[in-house]
Amino acid sequence: MRRAAELMAGHPAVNLITSKGEAATQSVFHLHVHVVPRQEGDGLPLPWTPRHTAHPGAA
């Protein structure tokens, strides 16, 4: 988590995401985090699983 915070400090907008358990879309059962740099209009839907698609017109 400390390293994730260090990575996040260098970005103006970031999602920090972790999942635990199958119901939370986890397929490999171990602790992990995602540091996802973001920007306006990036079109990334969250969560980004095959069941979800980007909003219409998203890049």
C-alpha atoms as a PDB file:
ATOM      1  CA  MET A   1       0.000   0.000   0.000  1.00  0.00           C
ATOM      2  CA  ARG A   2       2.905   2.337   0.654  1.00  0.00           C
ATOM      3  CA  ARG A   3       4.266   1.734  -2.834  1.00  0.00           C
ATOM      4  CA  ALA A   4       0.801   2.228  -4.320  1.00  0.00           C
ATOM      5  CA  ALA A   5       0.568   5.582  -2.516  1.00  0.00           C
ATOM      6  CA  GLU A   6       3.977   6.562  -3.899  1.00  0.00           C
ATOM      7  CA  LEU A   7       2.874   5.669  -7.438  1.00  0.00           C
ATOM      8  CA  MET A   8      -0.397   7.551  -7.032  1.00  0.00           C
ATOM      9  CA  ALA A   9       1.353  10.711  -5.827  1.00  0.00           C
ATOM     10  CA  GLY A  10       2.727  11.326  -9.315  1.00  0.00           C
ATOM     11  CA  HIS A  11      -0.705  11.442 -10.996  1.00  0.00           C
ATOM     12  CA  PRO A  12      -3.460  14.055 -10.743  1.00  0.00           C
ATOM     13  CA  ALA A  13      -6.262  11.454 -10.958  1.00  0.00           C
ATOM     14  CA  VAL A  14      -6.027   7.777  -9.993  1.00  0.00           C
ATOM     15  CA  ASN A  15      -8.235   4.853  -8.979  1.00  0.00           C
ATOM     16  CA  LEU A  16      -6.865   2.448  -6.381  1.00  0.00           C
ATOM     17  CA  ILE A  17      -8.736  -0.827  -6.714  1.00  0.00           C
ATOM     18  CA  THR A  18      -8.572  -4.128  -4.898  1.00  0.00           C
ATOM     19  CA  SER A  19     -10.932  -7.085  -5.067  1.00  0.00           C
ATOM     20  CA  LYS A  20     -11.429 -10.015  -2.714  1.00  0.00           C
ATOM     21  CA  GLY A  21     -13.591 -12.976  -3.599  1.00  0.00           C
ATOM     22  CA  GLU A  22     -15.444 -14.307  -6.589  1.00  0.00           C
ATOM     23  CA  ALA A  23     -18.449 -12.021  -6.072  1.00  0.00           C
ATOM     24  CA  ALA A  24     -16.053  -9.066  -6.336  1.00  0.00           C
ATOM     25  CA  THR A  25     -14.880 -10.278  -9.782  1.00  0.00           C
ATOM     26  CA  GLN A  26     -11.660 -11.836  -8.460  1.00  0.00           C
ATOM     27  CA  SER A  27     -10.571 -14.912 -10.411  1.00  0.00           C
ATOM     28  CA  VAL A  28      -7.124 -15.524  -8.876  1.00  0.00           C
ATOM     29  CA  PHE A  29      -7.454 -15.598  -5.105  1.00  0.00           C
ATOM     30  CA  HIS A  30      -4.609 -13.496  -3.697  1.00  0.00           C
ATOM     31  CA  LEU A  31      -4.215  -9.925  -2.467  1.00  0.00           C
ATOM     32  CA  HIS A  32      -3.431  -7.434  -5.177  1.00  0.00           C
ATOM     33  CA  VAL A  33      -4.119  -3.797  -5.963  1.00  0.00           C
ATOM     34  CA  HIS A  34      -4.486  -1.906  -9.209  1.00  0.00           C
ATOM     35  CA  VAL A  35      -3.185   1.655  -9.513  1.00  0.00           C
ATOM     36  CA  VAL A  36      -5.074   3.052 -12.503  1.00  0.00           C
ATOM     37  CA  PRO A  37      -4.071   6.528 -13.732  1.00  0.00           C
ATOM     38  CA  ARG A  38      -7.134   8.336 -15.099  1.00  0.00           C
ATOM     39  CA  GLN A  39      -7.921  11.328 -17.281  1.00  0.00           C
ATOM     40  CA  GLU A  40     -11.121  13.031 -18.358  1.00  0.00           C
ATOM     41  CA  GLY A  41     -12.850  11.118 -21.135  1.00  0.00           C
ATOM     42  CA  ASP A  42     -10.602   8.044 -20.930  1.00  0.00           C
ATOM     43  CA  GLY A  43     -13.670   5.832 -21.415  1.00  0.00           C
ATOM     44  CA  LEU A  44     -12.595   3.223 -18.869  1.00  0.00           C
ATOM     45  CA  PRO A  45     -15.670   1.698 -17.242  1.00  0.00           C
ATOM     46  CA  LEU A  46     -15.224   0.359 -13.737  1.00  0.00           C
ATOM     47  CA  PRO A  47     -15.141  -2.402 -12.893  1.00  0.00           C
ATOM     48  CA  TRP A  48     -13.536  -3.522 -16.139  1.00  0.00           C
ATOM     49  CA  THR A  49     -14.808  -7.055 -16.401  1.00  0.00           C
ATOM     50  CA  PRO A  50     -16.136  -8.788 -19.527  1.00  0.00           C
ATOM     51  CA  ARG A  51     -19.664  -8.225 -18.204  1.00  0.00           C
ATOM     52  CA  HIS A  52     -19.241  -4.453 -18.427  1.00  0.00           C
ATOM     53  CA  THR A  53     -18.802  -2.322 -21.518  1.00  0.00           C
ATOM     54  CA  ALA A  54     -17.822   1.258 -22.059  1.00  0.00           C
ATOM     55  CA  HIS A  55     -20.496   3.904 -22.239  1.00  0.00           C
ATOM     56  CA  PRO A  56     -21.784   4.564 -25.768  1.00  0.00           C
ATOM     57  CA  GLY A  57     -19.512   7.015 -27.536  1.00  0.00           C
ATOM     58  CA  ALA A  58     -16.582   6.438 -25.170  1.00  0.00           C
ATOM     59  CA  ALA A  59     -13.142   6.358 -26.720  1.00  0.00           C
END
